Amino acid sequence: MTIDEGGDSLPCLPNYMNLEMVTHNGGCHCGHVRWRVQSPSSVTAWQCNCSDCAMRGNTHFIVPSQRFELLEDSKEFLTTYTFGSHTAKHTFCKVCGITSFYTPKSNPDGIAVTYKCVDPGTLTHVEIKHFDGLNWEKSHKSTGISSCSKE
Protein backbone atom coordinates (compact mmCIF):
# COMPACT_ATOMS: atom_id res chain seq x y z
CA MET A 1 0.00 0.00 0.00
CA THR A 2 1.24 3.49 -0.79
CA ILE A 3 0.45 6.50 1.36
CA ASP A 4 0.33 9.97 -0.18
CA GLU A 5 0.20 13.20 1.82
CA GLY A 6 -1.90 15.84 0.09
CA GLY A 7 -2.74 16.04 -3.59
CA ASP A 8 -5.08 18.00 -5.80
CA SER A 9 -7.70 15.36 -6.54
CA LEU A 10 -11.42 15.50 -5.91
CA PRO A 11 -12.29 15.53 -2.18
CA CYS A 12 -13.02 11.80 -1.87
CA LEU A 13 -11.07 10.29 -4.76
CA PRO A 14 -7.28 10.03 -4.69
CA ASN A 15 -5.14 11.02 -7.65
CA TYR A 16 -4.46 7.36 -8.38
CA MET A 17 -8.09 6.36 -8.16
CA ASN A 18 -9.43 2.94 -8.87
CA LEU A 19 -13.22 3.17 -8.84
CA GLU A 20 -13.85 -0.57 -8.80
CA MET A 21 -15.43 -1.44 -5.46
CA VAL A 22 -13.73 -4.02 -3.30
CA THR A 23 -14.67 -5.49 0.06
CA HIS A 24 -12.46 -4.39 2.94
CA ASN A 25 -12.71 -6.23 6.25
CA GLY A 26 -11.50 -4.80 9.50
CA GLY A 27 -12.14 -4.16 13.16
CA CYS A 28 -10.68 -3.36 16.52
CA HIS A 29 -7.50 -4.61 18.21
CA CYS A 30 -9.05 -7.43 20.26
CA GLY A 31 -11.29 -8.65 17.43
CA HIS A 32 -14.62 -8.30 19.22
CA VAL A 33 -15.70 -5.59 16.74
CA ARG A 34 -15.60 -6.72 13.10
CA TRP A 35 -17.05 -5.11 10.00
CA ARG A 36 -16.88 -5.01 6.21
CA VAL A 37 -17.04 -2.00 3.95
CA GLN A 38 -17.29 -1.53 0.20
CA SER A 39 -14.99 1.13 -1.27
CA PRO A 40 -12.33 1.47 -3.94
CA SER A 41 -8.91 -0.03 -3.16
CA SER A 42 -7.55 3.52 -3.42
CA VAL A 43 -9.05 5.94 -0.88
CA THR A 44 -8.74 9.48 0.42
CA ALA A 45 -8.33 9.53 4.19
CA TRP A 46 -8.83 12.60 6.34
CA GLN A 47 -6.50 13.59 9.16
CA CYS A 48 -8.35 15.97 11.46
CA ASN A 49 -6.94 18.24 14.15
CA CYS A 50 -10.14 18.63 16.22
CA SER A 51 -9.80 17.94 19.94
CA ASP A 52 -11.02 14.32 19.64
CA CYS A 53 -9.27 13.21 16.41
CA ALA A 54 -5.99 14.86 17.41
CA MET A 55 -5.88 12.98 20.71
CA ARG A 56 -6.79 9.64 19.10
CA GLY A 57 -4.56 10.12 16.06
CA ASN A 58 -7.45 8.94 13.89
CA THR A 59 -7.16 9.15 10.10
CA HIS A 60 -10.23 7.88 8.29
CA PHE A 61 -11.92 7.53 4.92
CA ILE A 62 -15.64 8.13 4.57
CA VAL A 63 -18.20 5.94 2.82
CA PRO A 64 -21.99 6.07 2.48
CA SER A 65 -23.50 4.24 5.47
CA GLN A 66 -25.19 1.65 3.22
CA ARG A 67 -21.73 0.39 2.19
CA PHE A 68 -20.80 -0.45 5.79
CA GLU A 69 -21.85 -3.62 7.60
CA LEU A 70 -21.23 -4.52 11.24
CA LEU A 71 -20.64 -8.27 11.56
CA GLU A 72 -21.96 -10.93 13.93
CA ASP A 73 -22.30 -9.82 17.57
CA SER A 74 -20.00 -6.77 17.22
CA LYS A 75 -22.75 -4.36 18.29
CA GLU A 76 -22.75 -5.72 21.84
CA PHE A 77 -19.07 -4.75 22.21
CA LEU A 78 -19.54 -1.12 21.08
CA THR A 79 -20.08 1.98 23.13
CA THR A 80 -20.55 5.53 21.89
CA TYR A 81 -19.20 8.89 23.00
CA THR A 82 -20.68 12.22 21.88
CA PHE A 83 -19.97 15.82 22.76
CA GLY A 84 -20.67 19.34 21.47
CA SER A 85 -23.45 19.10 18.87
CA HIS A 86 -23.81 15.32 19.51
CA THR A 87 -23.92 14.81 15.72
CA ALA A 88 -20.73 12.74 15.62
CA LYS A 89 -21.11 9.29 17.15
CA HIS A 90 -17.65 8.21 18.29
CA THR A 91 -18.01 4.43 18.57
CA PHE A 92 -15.32 2.31 20.13
CA CYS A 93 -14.80 -1.19 21.45
CA LYS A 94 -15.70 -1.66 25.13
CA VAL A 95 -12.90 -4.22 25.50
CA CYS A 96 -9.84 -2.69 23.80
CA GLY A 97 -10.95 0.94 23.30
CA ILE A 98 -10.16 1.16 19.59
CA THR A 99 -12.29 3.40 17.35
CA SER A 100 -12.22 1.42 14.11
CA PHE A 101 -15.16 3.40 12.68
CA TYR A 102 -17.59 6.14 13.69
CA THR A 103 -20.27 8.49 12.36
CA PRO A 104 -18.57 11.83 11.64
CA LYS A 105 -20.10 15.27 12.19
CA SER A 106 -19.05 16.19 8.64
CA ASN A 107 -21.02 13.25 7.19
CA PRO A 108 -23.82 12.11 9.51
CA ASP A 109 -25.16 10.01 6.61
CA GLY A 110 -21.86 8.16 6.31
CA ILE A 111 -19.31 6.12 8.19
CA ALA A 112 -15.72 7.15 8.84
CA VAL A 113 -13.48 4.08 8.70
CA THR A 114 -10.09 4.23 10.40
CA TYR A 115 -7.85 3.16 7.54
CA LYS A 116 -5.29 1.55 9.84
CA CYS A 117 -8.04 -0.78 11.11
CA VAL A 118 -8.59 -2.30 7.65
CA ASP A 119 -7.17 -5.82 7.39
CA PRO A 120 -4.02 -5.92 5.20
CA GLY A 121 -4.28 -6.71 1.51
CA THR A 122 -7.18 -4.73 0.06
CA LEU A 123 -6.13 -1.09 0.36
CA THR A 124 -3.61 -0.30 -2.38
CA HIS A 125 -3.28 3.46 -1.98
CA VAL A 126 -4.23 5.99 0.70
CA GLU A 127 -4.08 9.71 -0.02
CA ILE A 128 -4.13 11.68 3.22
CA LYS A 129 -5.79 15.09 3.27
CA HIS A 130 -5.97 17.45 6.20
CA PHE A 131 -9.23 18.65 7.72
CA ASP A 132 -8.97 21.69 10.00
CA GLY A 133 -11.34 20.58 12.73
CA LEU A 134 -10.28 23.49 14.93
CA ASN A 135 -11.95 25.70 12.30
CA TRP A 136 -14.67 23.17 11.53
CA GLU A 137 -17.26 25.26 9.65
CA LYS A 138 -14.70 26.87 7.34
CA SER A 139 -12.98 23.54 6.63
CA HIS A 140 -16.28 21.74 6.08
CA LYS A 141 -17.25 24.27 3.39
CA SER A 142 -13.85 24.49 1.69
CA THR A 143 -12.85 20.80 1.54
CA GLY A 144 -15.97 19.26 0.01
CA ILE A 145 -15.79 16.49 2.62
CA SER A 146 -19.60 16.25 2.81
CA SER A 147 -19.65 14.70 -0.68
CA CYS A 148 -17.71 11.66 0.58
CA SER A 149 -20.82 9.97 1.97
CA LYS A 150 -22.80 10.31 -1.26
CA GLU A 151 -23.08 7.47 -3.82
C-alpha atoms as a PDB file:
ATOM      1  CA  MET A   1       0.000   0.000   0.000  1.00  0.00           C
ATOM      2  CA  THR A   2       1.243   3.492  -0.789  1.00  0.00           C
ATOM      3  CA  ILE A   3       0.449   6.503   1.359  1.00  0.00           C
ATOM      4  CA  ASP A   4       0.328   9.972  -0.181  1.00  0.00           C
ATOM      5  CA  GLU A   5       0.195  13.201   1.818  1.00  0.00           C
ATOM      6  CA  GLY A   6      -1.904  15.839   0.086  1.00  0.00           C
ATOM      7  CA  GLY A   7      -2.737  16.038  -3.591  1.00  0.00           C
ATOM      8  CA  ASP A   8      -5.079  17.997  -5.798  1.00  0.00           C
ATOM      9  CA  SER A   9      -7.696  15.363  -6.542  1.00  0.00           C
ATOM     10  CA  LEU A  10     -11.419  15.503  -5.905  1.00  0.00           C
ATOM     11  CA  PRO A  11     -12.290  15.527  -2.181  1.00  0.00           C
ATOM     12  CA  CYS A  12     -13.020  11.801  -1.873  1.00  0.00           C
ATOM     13  CA  LEU A  13     -11.067  10.294  -4.756  1.00  0.00           C
ATOM     14  CA  PRO A  14      -7.279  10.026  -4.689  1.00  0.00           C
ATOM     15  CA  ASN A  15      -5.143  11.024  -7.655  1.00  0.00           C
ATOM     16  CA  TYR A  16      -4.461   7.359  -8.377  1.00  0.00           C
ATOM     17  CA  MET A  17      -8.087   6.359  -8.165  1.00  0.00           C
ATOM     18  CA  ASN A  18      -9.429   2.936  -8.870  1.00  0.00           C
ATOM     19  CA  LEU A  19     -13.222   3.170  -8.840  1.00  0.00           C
ATOM     20  CA  GLU A  20     -13.851  -0.568  -8.798  1.00  0.00           C
ATOM     21  CA  MET A  21     -15.430  -1.444  -5.465  1.00  0.00           C
ATOM     22  CA  VAL A  22     -13.730  -4.025  -3.297  1.00  0.00           C
ATOM     23  CA  THR A  23     -14.668  -5.487   0.064  1.00  0.00           C
ATOM     24  CA  HIS A  24     -12.459  -4.388   2.944  1.00  0.00           C
ATOM     25  CA  ASN A  25     -12.707  -6.229   6.249  1.00  0.00           C
ATOM     26  CA  GLY A  26     -11.503  -4.801   9.504  1.00  0.00           C
ATOM     27  CA  GLY A  27     -12.138  -4.165  13.156  1.00  0.00           C
ATOM     28  CA  CYS A  28     -10.682  -3.361  16.516  1.00  0.00           C
ATOM     29  CA  HIS A  29      -7.503  -4.615  18.212  1.00  0.00           C
ATOM     30  CA  CYS A  30      -9.053  -7.426  20.260  1.00  0.00           C
ATOM     31  CA  GLY A  31     -11.289  -8.647  17.429  1.00  0.00           C
ATOM     32  CA  HIS A  32     -14.617  -8.296  19.219  1.00  0.00           C
ATOM     33  CA  VAL A  33     -15.700  -5.589  16.736  1.00  0.00           C
ATOM     34  CA  ARG A  34     -15.600  -6.720  13.102  1.00  0.00           C
ATOM     35  CA  TRP A  35     -17.046  -5.109   9.997  1.00  0.00           C
ATOM     36  CA  ARG A  36     -16.881  -5.009   6.215  1.00  0.00           C
ATOM     37  CA  VAL A  37     -17.038  -2.002   3.946  1.00  0.00           C
ATOM     38  CA  GLN A  38     -17.286  -1.528   0.197  1.00  0.00           C
ATOM     39  CA  SER A  39     -14.988   1.128  -1.274  1.00  0.00           C
ATOM     40  CA  PRO A  40     -12.332   1.468  -3.938  1.00  0.00           C
ATOM     41  CA  SER A  41      -8.914  -0.026  -3.165  1.00  0.00           C
ATOM     42  CA  SER A  42      -7.550   3.522  -3.421  1.00  0.00           C
ATOM     43  CA  VAL A  43      -9.055   5.945  -0.881  1.00  0.00           C
ATOM     44  CA  THR A  44      -8.741   9.479   0.418  1.00  0.00           C
ATOM     45  CA  ALA A  45      -8.328   9.527   4.194  1.00  0.00           C
ATOM     46  CA  TRP A  46      -8.832  12.597   6.340  1.00  0.00           C
ATOM     47  CA  GLN A  47      -6.503  13.590   9.156  1.00  0.00           C
ATOM     48  CA  CYS A  48      -8.345  15.972  11.459  1.00  0.00           C
ATOM     49  CA  ASN A  49      -6.939  18.237  14.153  1.00  0.00           C
ATOM     50  CA  CYS A  50     -10.141  18.631  16.216  1.00  0.00           C
ATOM     51  CA  SER A  51      -9.805  17.936  19.935  1.00  0.00           C
ATOM     52  CA  ASP A  52     -11.021  14.323  19.636  1.00  0.00           C
ATOM     53  CA  CYS A  53      -9.269  13.211  16.412  1.00  0.00           C
ATOM     54  CA  ALA A  54      -5.991  14.861  17.412  1.00  0.00           C
ATOM     55  CA  MET A  55      -5.885  12.983  20.710  1.00  0.00           C
ATOM     56  CA  ARG A  56      -6.794   9.636  19.096  1.00  0.00           C
ATOM     57  CA  GLY A  57      -4.561  10.116  16.060  1.00  0.00           C
ATOM     58  CA  ASN A  58      -7.446   8.937  13.892  1.00  0.00           C
ATOM     59  CA  THR A  59      -7.161   9.147  10.098  1.00  0.00           C
ATOM     60  CA  HIS A  60     -10.228   7.882   8.294  1.00  0.00           C
ATOM     61  CA  PHE A  61     -11.923   7.527   4.922  1.00  0.00           C
ATOM     62  CA  ILE A  62     -15.642   8.132   4.568  1.00  0.00           C
ATOM     63  CA  VAL A  63     -18.205   5.940   2.824  1.00  0.00           C
ATOM     64  CA  PRO A  64     -21.994   6.067   2.480  1.00  0.00           C
ATOM     65  CA  SER A  65     -23.500   4.237   5.473  1.00  0.00           C
ATOM     66  CA  GLN A  66     -25.191   1.651   3.224  1.00  0.00           C
ATOM     67  CA  ARG A  67     -21.727   0.393   2.190  1.00  0.00           C
ATOM     68  CA  PHE A  68     -20.798  -0.451   5.794  1.00  0.00           C
ATOM     69  CA  GLU A  69     -21.854  -3.617   7.602  1.00  0.00           C
ATOM     70  CA  LEU A  70     -21.232  -4.515  11.235  1.00  0.00           C
ATOM     71  CA  LEU A  71     -20.644  -8.270  11.556  1.00  0.00           C
ATOM     72  CA  GLU A  72     -21.956 -10.934  13.930  1.00  0.00           C
ATOM     73  CA  ASP A  73     -22.296  -9.819  17.572  1.00  0.00           C
ATOM     74  CA  SER A  74     -19.997  -6.772  17.219  1.00  0.00           C
ATOM     75  CA  LYS A  75     -22.747  -4.357  18.287  1.00  0.00           C
ATOM     76  CA  GLU A  76     -22.748  -5.719  21.845  1.00  0.00           C
ATOM     77  CA  PHE A  77     -19.068  -4.745  22.209  1.00  0.00           C
ATOM     78  CA  LEU A  78     -19.541  -1.123  21.077  1.00  0.00           C
ATOM     79  CA  THR A  79     -20.081   1.980  23.125  1.00  0.00           C
ATOM     80  CA  THR A  80     -20.553   5.533  21.892  1.00  0.00           C
ATOM     81  CA  TYR A  81     -19.196   8.893  23.000  1.00  0.00           C
ATOM     82  CA  THR A  82     -20.677  12.218  21.875  1.00  0.00           C
ATOM     83  CA  PHE A  83     -19.966  15.823  22.755  1.00  0.00           C
ATOM     84  CA  GLY A  84     -20.670  19.341  21.474  1.00  0.00           C
ATOM     85  CA  SER A  85     -23.451  19.102  18.866  1.00  0.00           C
ATOM     86  CA  HIS A  86     -23.806  15.317  19.505  1.00  0.00           C
ATOM     87  CA  THR A  87     -23.919  14.811  15.721  1.00  0.00           C
ATOM     88  CA  ALA A  88     -20.733  12.739  15.615  1.00  0.00           C
ATOM     89  CA  LYS A  89     -21.112   9.294  17.153  1.00  0.00           C
ATOM     90  CA  HIS A  90     -17.655   8.206  18.286  1.00  0.00           C
ATOM     91  CA  THR A  91     -18.007   4.427  18.575  1.00  0.00           C
ATOM     92  CA  PHE A  92     -15.318   2.313  20.134  1.00  0.00           C
ATOM     93  CA  CYS A  93     -14.795  -1.194  21.446  1.00  0.00           C
ATOM     94  CA  LYS A  94     -15.702  -1.665  25.133  1.00  0.00           C
ATOM     95  CA  VAL A  95     -12.902  -4.221  25.503  1.00  0.00           C
ATOM     96  CA  CYS A  96      -9.838  -2.685  23.802  1.00  0.00           C
ATOM     97  CA  GLY A  97     -10.948   0.941  23.302  1.00  0.00           C
ATOM     98  CA  ILE A  98     -10.159   1.157  19.587  1.00  0.00           C
ATOM     99  CA  THR A  99     -12.287   3.399  17.349  1.00  0.00           C
ATOM    100  CA  SER A 100     -12.218   1.423  14.112  1.00  0.00           C
ATOM    101  CA  PHE A 101     -15.161   3.402  12.676  1.00  0.00           C
ATOM    102  CA  TYR A 102     -17.592   6.144  13.689  1.00  0.00           C
ATOM    103  CA  THR A 103     -20.269   8.488  12.356  1.00  0.00           C
ATOM    104  CA  PRO A 104     -18.574  11.834  11.643  1.00  0.00           C
ATOM    105  CA  LYS A 105     -20.095  15.271  12.186  1.00  0.00           C
ATOM    106  CA  SER A 106     -19.055  16.189   8.643  1.00  0.00           C
ATOM    107  CA  ASN A 107     -21.023  13.247   7.189  1.00  0.00           C
ATOM    108  CA  PRO A 108     -23.824  12.113   9.510  1.00  0.00           C
ATOM    109  CA  ASP A 109     -25.164  10.009   6.605  1.00  0.00           C
ATOM    110  CA  GLY A 110     -21.857   8.159   6.313  1.00  0.00           C
ATOM    111  CA  ILE A 111     -19.310   6.116   8.194  1.00  0.00           C
ATOM    112  CA  ALA A 112     -15.716   7.149   8.840  1.00  0.00           C
ATOM    113  CA  VAL A 113     -13.478   4.076   8.696  1.00  0.00           C
ATOM    114  CA  THR A 114     -10.086   4.227  10.401  1.00  0.00           C
ATOM    115  CA  TYR A 115      -7.855   3.158   7.535  1.00  0.00           C
ATOM    116  CA  LYS A 116      -5.290   1.548   9.843  1.00  0.00           C
ATOM    117  CA  CYS A 117      -8.040  -0.784  11.112  1.00  0.00           C
ATOM    118  CA  VAL A 118      -8.587  -2.296   7.649  1.00  0.00           C
ATOM    119  CA  ASP A 119      -7.167  -5.818   7.393  1.00  0.00           C
ATOM    120  CA  PRO A 120      -4.022  -5.915   5.204  1.00  0.00           C
ATOM    121  CA  GLY A 121      -4.281  -6.712   1.510  1.00  0.00           C
ATOM    122  CA  THR A 122      -7.184  -4.729   0.059  1.00  0.00           C
ATOM    123  CA  LEU A 123      -6.127  -1.090   0.357  1.00  0.00           C
ATOM    124  CA  THR A 124      -3.613  -0.299  -2.380  1.00  0.00           C
ATOM    125  CA  HIS A 125      -3.279   3.462  -1.977  1.00  0.00           C
ATOM    126  CA  VAL A 126      -4.234   5.992   0.704  1.00  0.00           C
ATOM    127  CA  GLU A 127      -4.079   9.714  -0.016  1.00  0.00           C
ATOM    128  CA  ILE A 128      -4.130  11.679   3.225  1.00  0.00           C
ATOM    129  CA  LYS A 129      -5.790  15.094   3.269  1.00  0.00           C
ATOM    130  CA  HIS A 130      -5.965  17.447   6.200  1.00  0.00           C
ATOM    131  CA  PHE A 131      -9.228  18.652   7.720  1.00  0.00           C
ATOM    132  CA  ASP A 132      -8.971  21.693   9.999  1.00  0.00           C
ATOM    133  CA  GLY A 133     -11.339  20.579  12.730  1.00  0.00           C
ATOM    134  CA  LEU A 134     -10.283  23.487  14.933  1.00  0.00           C
ATOM    135  CA  ASN A 135     -11.952  25.701  12.301  1.00  0.00           C
ATOM    136  CA  TRP A 136     -14.668  23.172  11.530  1.00  0.00           C
ATOM    137  CA  GLU A 137     -17.262  25.265   9.650  1.00  0.00           C
ATOM    138  CA  LYS A 138     -14.700  26.870   7.341  1.00  0.00           C
ATOM    139  CA  SER A 139     -12.977  23.540   6.633  1.00  0.00           C
ATOM    140  CA  HIS A 140     -16.279  21.740   6.079  1.00  0.00           C
ATOM    141  CA  LYS A 141     -17.250  24.273   3.391  1.00  0.00           C
ATOM    142  CA  SER A 142     -13.852  24.492   1.693  1.00  0.00           C
ATOM    143  CA  THR A 143     -12.853  20.797   1.540  1.00  0.00           C
ATOM    144  CA  GLY A 144     -15.965  19.264   0.014  1.00  0.00           C
ATOM    145  CA  ILE A 145     -15.792  16.487   2.618  1.00  0.00           C
ATOM    146  CA  SER A 146     -19.596  16.250   2.808  1.00  0.00           C
ATOM    147  CA  SER A 147     -19.648  14.704  -0.680  1.00  0.00           C
ATOM    148  CA  CYS A 148     -17.706  11.655   0.577  1.00  0.00           C
ATOM    149  CA  SER A 149     -20.821   9.973   1.967  1.00  0.00           C
ATOM    150  CA  LYS A 150     -22.796  10.309  -1.265  1.00  0.00           C
ATOM    151  CA  GLU A 151     -23.081   7.473  -3.816  1.00  0.00           C
END
